[in-house]
Amino acid sequence: MDVEIPRTFDLDHLRAIHRHMFQDVYDWAGELRVTELVRPSQDPTGPANEFVKPEDIERLEPVIFAELGDPSQHVPLAGTAGCEPPSGSTNTGTASPIRS
C-alpha cells in the first residue's frame, strides 16, 4: 500500500516514516524516545557514546536537522536502489531520536 508522507524533512517527517515502517511491529512506532541511550565506546579506554536526552530532542530538533543540511545536496548511499528521493534531490539524511 502506497502512503503519501509529506516531505518536510523535519522531526515530524522522520516520525511519520518510522510510524509507517514499524506500525505493525511496535505499538510505539513513530513516538519519541522516553529513555536515555548510551552505547559503550568501541575503544575500551574511550568515553561512552551518549545520545541526545529524550527531554532535549524536540528542543534540539532545529540544530540536528540544520546539521544534516539541504537534502538535495546529499549523496546517495550504497544499496539504496529503488529508494526515490524528492524531485531534484539525490538523497535525504536522517537522525534517530525515535524510540527504540
C-alpha atoms as a PDB file:
ATOM      1  CA  MET A   1       0.000   0.000   0.000  1.00  0.00           C
ATOM      2  CA  ASP A   2       1.393   3.386  -1.002  1.00  0.00           C
ATOM      3  CA  VAL A   3       1.304   6.033   1.691  1.00  0.00           C
ATOM      4  CA  GLU A   4       1.998   9.688   0.995  1.00  0.00           C
ATOM      5  CA  ILE A   5       4.189  11.182   3.700  1.00  0.00           C
ATOM      6  CA  PRO A   6       4.732  14.929   3.292  1.00  0.00           C
ATOM      7  CA  ARG A   7       8.443  15.524   2.697  1.00  0.00           C
ATOM      8  CA  THR A   8       9.058  18.232   5.246  1.00  0.00           C
ATOM      9  CA  PHE A   9      12.479  16.856   6.247  1.00  0.00           C
ATOM     10  CA  ASP A  10      11.950  17.610   9.913  1.00  0.00           C
ATOM     11  CA  LEU A  11      11.188  15.636  13.057  1.00  0.00           C
ATOM     12  CA  ASP A  12       7.529  15.127  12.096  1.00  0.00           C
ATOM     13  CA  HIS A  13       8.674  13.695   8.750  1.00  0.00           C
ATOM     14  CA  LEU A  14      11.089  11.300  10.456  1.00  0.00           C
ATOM     15  CA  ARG A  15       8.399  10.208  12.902  1.00  0.00           C
ATOM     16  CA  ALA A  16       5.892   9.609  10.082  1.00  0.00           C
ATOM     17  CA  ILE A  17       8.407   7.429   8.229  1.00  0.00           C
ATOM     18  CA  HIS A  18       9.184   5.441  11.382  1.00  0.00           C
ATOM     19  CA  ARG A  19       5.451   5.062  12.153  1.00  0.00           C
ATOM     20  CA  HIS A  20       4.735   3.780   8.648  1.00  0.00           C
ATOM     21  CA  MET A  21       7.673   1.369   8.587  1.00  0.00           C
ATOM     22  CA  PHE A  22       7.197  -0.132  12.048  1.00  0.00           C
ATOM     23  CA  GLN A  23       3.482   0.279  12.844  1.00  0.00           C
ATOM     24  CA  ASP A  24       2.903  -3.467  12.558  1.00  0.00           C
ATOM     25  CA  VAL A  25       5.902  -4.276  14.753  1.00  0.00           C
ATOM     26  CA  TYR A  26       5.851  -1.749  17.618  1.00  0.00           C
ATOM     27  CA  ASP A  27       2.923  -0.085  19.356  1.00  0.00           C
ATOM     28  CA  TRP A  28       5.190   2.928  19.887  1.00  0.00           C
ATOM     29  CA  ALA A  29       6.259   3.315  16.240  1.00  0.00           C
ATOM     30  CA  GLY A  30       6.844   6.988  15.442  1.00  0.00           C
ATOM     31  CA  GLU A  31       6.945   8.106  19.070  1.00  0.00           C
ATOM     32  CA  LEU A  32       9.938   9.921  20.520  1.00  0.00           C
ATOM     33  CA  ARG A  33      12.271   8.109  22.880  1.00  0.00           C
ATOM     34  CA  VAL A  34      11.474   8.302  26.567  1.00  0.00           C
ATOM     35  CA  THR A  35      14.637   6.623  27.846  1.00  0.00           C
ATOM     36  CA  GLU A  36      18.271   7.704  27.695  1.00  0.00           C
ATOM     37  CA  LEU A  37      20.602   5.825  25.382  1.00  0.00           C
ATOM     38  CA  VAL A  38      24.303   5.255  25.964  1.00  0.00           C
ATOM     39  CA  ARG A  39      26.423   2.980  23.802  1.00  0.00           C
ATOM     40  CA  PRO A  40      29.820   1.797  25.053  1.00  0.00           C
ATOM     41  CA  SER A  41      32.813   3.019  23.094  1.00  0.00           C
ATOM     42  CA  GLN A  42      34.482   0.526  20.787  1.00  0.00           C
ATOM     43  CA  ASP A  43      37.728   1.787  22.283  1.00  0.00           C
ATOM     44  CA  PRO A  44      37.895   0.301  25.821  1.00  0.00           C
ATOM     45  CA  THR A  45      39.719   3.421  27.030  1.00  0.00           C
ATOM     46  CA  GLY A  46      37.339   5.844  25.280  1.00  0.00           C
ATOM     47  CA  PRO A  47      34.243   7.521  26.664  1.00  0.00           C
ATOM     48  CA  ALA A  48      30.780   6.086  26.065  1.00  0.00           C
ATOM     49  CA  ASN A  49      28.724   7.433  23.167  1.00  0.00           C
ATOM     50  CA  GLU A  50      25.811   9.391  24.574  1.00  0.00           C
ATOM     51  CA  PHE A  51      22.705  10.268  22.598  1.00  0.00           C
ATOM     52  CA  VAL A  52      20.520  13.355  22.949  1.00  0.00           C
ATOM     53  CA  LYS A  53      18.478  13.067  26.137  1.00  0.00           C
ATOM     54  CA  PRO A  54      14.760  12.407  25.484  1.00  0.00           C
ATOM     55  CA  GLU A  55      13.707  15.671  27.106  1.00  0.00           C
ATOM     56  CA  ASP A  56      16.012  17.604  24.736  1.00  0.00           C
ATOM     57  CA  ILE A  57      15.009  16.025  21.406  1.00  0.00           C
ATOM     58  CA  GLU A  58      12.281  18.498  20.446  1.00  0.00           C
ATOM     59  CA  ARG A  59      14.280  21.493  21.679  1.00  0.00           C
ATOM     60  CA  LEU A  60      17.342  20.426  19.669  1.00  0.00           C
ATOM     61  CA  GLU A  61      15.407  19.437  16.535  1.00  0.00           C
ATOM     62  CA  PRO A  62      16.344  22.628  14.605  1.00  0.00           C
ATOM     63  CA  VAL A  63      20.026  22.148  15.433  1.00  0.00           C
ATOM     64  CA  ILE A  64      20.024  18.454  14.496  1.00  0.00           C
ATOM     65  CA  PHE A  65      18.273  18.952  11.172  1.00  0.00           C
ATOM     66  CA  ALA A  66      20.373  22.030  10.342  1.00  0.00           C
ATOM     67  CA  GLU A  67      23.498  19.861  10.760  1.00  0.00           C
ATOM     68  CA  LEU A  68      22.061  17.401   8.244  1.00  0.00           C
ATOM     69  CA  GLY A  69      21.934  20.166   5.671  1.00  0.00           C
ATOM     70  CA  ASP A  70      19.961  20.506   2.481  1.00  0.00           C
ATOM     71  CA  PRO A  71      18.544  17.103   1.427  1.00  0.00           C
ATOM     72  CA  SER A  72      19.048  17.990  -2.252  1.00  0.00           C
ATOM     73  CA  GLN A  73      22.830  18.130  -1.661  1.00  0.00           C
ATOM     74  CA  HIS A  74      23.187  14.650  -0.133  1.00  0.00           C
ATOM     75  CA  VAL A  75      24.982  11.851  -1.934  1.00  0.00           C
ATOM     76  CA  PRO A  76      23.068   8.569  -2.427  1.00  0.00           C
ATOM     77  CA  LEU A  77      24.021   5.792  -0.039  1.00  0.00           C
ATOM     78  CA  ALA A  78      25.217   2.469  -1.385  1.00  0.00           C
ATOM     79  CA  GLY A  79      22.406  -0.060  -1.593  1.00  0.00           C
ATOM     80  CA  THR A  80      19.566   2.470  -1.869  1.00  0.00           C
ATOM     81  CA  ALA A  81      18.451   1.341  -5.314  1.00  0.00           C
ATOM     82  CA  GLY A  82      14.691   1.659  -5.566  1.00  0.00           C
ATOM     83  CA  CYS A  83      14.538   4.459  -2.998  1.00  0.00           C
ATOM     84  CA  GLU A  84      13.024   7.503  -4.604  1.00  0.00           C
ATOM     85  CA  PRO A  85      14.487  10.807  -3.404  1.00  0.00           C
ATOM     86  CA  PRO A  86      12.446  14.008  -3.620  1.00  0.00           C
ATOM     87  CA  SER A  87      12.286  15.674  -7.007  1.00  0.00           C
ATOM     88  CA  GLY A  88      15.604  17.397  -7.692  1.00  0.00           C
ATOM     89  CA  SER A  89      17.241  15.684  -4.720  1.00  0.00           C
ATOM     90  CA  THR A  90      19.851  12.956  -4.623  1.00  0.00           C
ATOM     91  CA  ASN A  91      19.193  11.651  -1.124  1.00  0.00           C
ATOM     92  CA  THR A  92      17.846  12.578   2.290  1.00  0.00           C
ATOM     93  CA  GLY A  93      19.516  12.489   5.694  1.00  0.00           C
ATOM     94  CA  THR A  94      18.136  11.142   8.937  1.00  0.00           C
ATOM     95  CA  ALA A  95      18.670  11.474  12.628  1.00  0.00           C
ATOM     96  CA  SER A  96      17.352   8.910  15.056  1.00  0.00           C
ATOM     97  CA  PRO A  97      15.522  10.388  18.015  1.00  0.00           C
ATOM     98  CA  ILE A  98      12.817   7.787  17.525  1.00  0.00           C
ATOM     99  CA  ARG A  99      12.152   5.401  20.355  1.00  0.00           C
ATOM    100  CA  SER A 100      13.967   2.092  20.078  1.00  0.00           C
END
